Amino acid sequence: QVQLVESGGGLVQPGGSLRLSCAASLRIFRAYVMEWYRQASGKQRELVAAISSLGSTDYADSAKGRFTISRDNAKNTVYLQMNSLKPEDTDVYYCNAHARGLGNYWGQGTQVTVSS
């Protein structure tokens, strides 16, 4: 059974940093595109950052310059380093893995709250 388990969320003050992790029990982790999404209650889930199987990255405009996505294929883990956090970054953050022919999987989410 495939599992994506996020961790690293929590409460942080504005200007602070958090590093989210997503550990994936995927047989061929390196083949998957890994993504981080965010979702506020009652709103649509939106893409924050993505990293391809080859390591190329892409970011939402709101994340550029502040967030960094990375992956460790040896550990089957993807990370999201979030710096200079703002109150508007408060959301539940979800990890997604997808690959053609292999499937599309979601984690359970981790809450990030930015508040003084």
Protein backbone atom coordinates (compact mmCIF):
# COMPACT_ATOMS: atom_id res chain seq x y z
CA GLN A 1 0.00 0.00 0.00
CA VAL A 2 1.41 3.36 -1.05
CA GLN A 3 1.75 5.94 1.69
CA LEU A 4 2.92 9.53 1.65
CA VAL A 5 3.57 10.84 5.14
CA GLU A 6 4.12 14.56 5.64
CA SER A 7 5.80 16.04 8.69
CA GLY A 8 7.40 19.27 9.80
CA GLY A 9 4.39 21.53 10.00
CA GLY A 10 3.62 23.65 13.02
CA LEU A 11 3.30 27.14 14.41
CA VAL A 12 5.94 29.69 13.44
CA GLN A 13 6.23 33.45 13.75
CA PRO A 14 6.21 35.68 10.69
CA GLY A 15 9.67 35.74 9.13
CA GLY A 16 10.45 32.30 10.46
CA SER A 17 11.24 29.05 8.65
CA LEU A 18 9.92 25.53 8.47
CA ARG A 19 11.04 22.46 6.57
CA LEU A 20 8.34 20.06 5.49
CA SER A 21 9.19 16.47 4.69
CA CYS A 22 7.23 13.85 2.78
CA ALA A 23 8.34 10.25 3.10
CA ALA A 24 6.95 8.06 0.36
CA SER A 25 6.61 4.30 0.28
CA LEU A 26 6.89 4.21 -3.50
CA ARG A 27 8.64 1.36 -5.20
CA ILE A 28 10.29 3.53 -7.86
CA PHE A 29 10.37 6.89 -6.08
CA ARG A 30 12.84 8.42 -8.51
CA ALA A 31 10.34 8.01 -11.36
CA TYR A 32 7.72 10.24 -9.76
CA VAL A 33 7.10 13.93 -10.06
CA MET A 34 6.81 15.18 -6.49
CA GLU A 35 4.76 18.21 -5.61
CA TRP A 36 3.64 20.28 -2.65
CA TYR A 37 0.16 21.77 -2.57
CA ARG A 38 -1.61 23.99 -0.11
CA GLN A 39 -5.26 24.23 0.75
CA ALA A 40 -7.26 26.52 2.96
CA SER A 41 -10.61 25.43 4.34
CA GLY A 42 -13.29 25.80 1.69
CA LYS A 43 -10.83 26.63 -1.06
CA GLN A 44 -9.30 24.73 -3.93
CA ARG A 45 -5.98 22.98 -3.49
CA GLU A 46 -3.22 24.92 -5.23
CA LEU A 47 0.27 23.97 -6.36
CA VAL A 48 3.15 25.45 -4.37
CA ALA A 49 6.21 23.70 -5.82
CA ALA A 50 7.13 20.75 -8.01
CA ILE A 51 10.25 18.74 -8.70
CA SER A 52 10.58 16.38 -11.63
CA SER A 53 12.22 12.97 -11.71
CA LEU A 54 15.29 14.68 -13.16
CA GLY A 55 15.36 17.36 -10.47
CA SER A 56 14.01 20.35 -12.34
CA THR A 57 11.84 22.58 -10.19
CA ASP A 58 8.92 24.93 -10.56
CA TYR A 59 7.25 27.28 -8.10
CA ALA A 60 4.09 29.25 -7.65
CA ASP A 61 4.73 32.98 -7.81
CA SER A 62 3.97 33.24 -4.09
CA ALA A 63 6.74 30.74 -3.30
CA LYS A 64 9.50 31.99 -5.59
CA GLY A 65 12.52 33.27 -3.72
CA ARG A 66 11.25 31.98 -0.36
CA PHE A 67 10.58 28.25 -0.76
CA THR A 68 12.87 25.51 -2.04
CA ILE A 69 11.75 22.03 -3.04
CA SER A 70 14.26 19.20 -3.08
CA ARG A 71 14.28 15.44 -3.14
CA ASP A 72 16.46 12.65 -1.79
CA ASN A 73 15.87 9.59 -3.92
CA ALA A 74 17.94 7.42 -1.57
CA LYS A 75 15.53 8.24 1.26
CA ASN A 76 12.33 8.33 -0.82
CA THR A 77 11.71 11.78 0.59
CA VAL A 78 10.82 15.19 -0.77
CA TYR A 79 11.32 18.40 1.18
CA LEU A 80 9.94 21.90 1.15
CA GLN A 81 12.15 24.47 2.83
CA MET A 82 10.02 27.51 3.62
CA ASN A 83 11.74 30.74 4.62
CA SER A 84 10.49 34.25 5.33
CA LEU A 85 7.09 32.87 6.16
CA LYS A 86 4.08 35.17 6.11
CA PRO A 87 0.67 34.87 7.79
CA GLU A 88 -0.84 34.27 4.35
CA ASP A 89 1.23 31.09 4.06
CA THR A 90 -1.00 29.54 6.71
CA ASP A 91 -2.66 26.47 5.21
CA VAL A 92 -2.64 22.71 5.20
CA TYR A 93 0.21 21.51 2.98
CA TYR A 94 -0.11 18.28 1.02
CA CYS A 95 2.45 16.11 -0.72
CA ASN A 96 1.60 14.59 -4.10
CA ALA A 97 3.39 11.97 -6.17
CA HIS A 98 2.47 11.13 -9.72
CA ALA A 99 3.98 9.28 -12.64
CA ARG A 100 2.50 8.11 -15.91
CA GLY A 101 1.49 4.50 -15.64
CA LEU A 102 2.39 4.33 -11.95
CA GLY A 103 -0.33 6.31 -10.24
CA ASN A 104 -1.22 9.49 -8.41
CA TYR A 105 -0.97 9.61 -4.63
CA TRP A 106 -1.63 12.12 -1.84
CA GLY A 107 -0.46 12.48 1.71
CA GLN A 108 -2.72 13.32 4.62
CA GLY A 109 -1.50 16.91 4.96
CA THR A 110 0.37 18.89 7.57
CA GLN A 111 -0.80 22.17 9.09
CA VAL A 112 1.38 25.24 8.77
CA THR A 113 0.37 28.25 10.86
CA VAL A 114 2.24 31.53 10.65
CA SER A 115 1.24 33.84 13.46
CA SER A 116 2.70 36.05 16.13
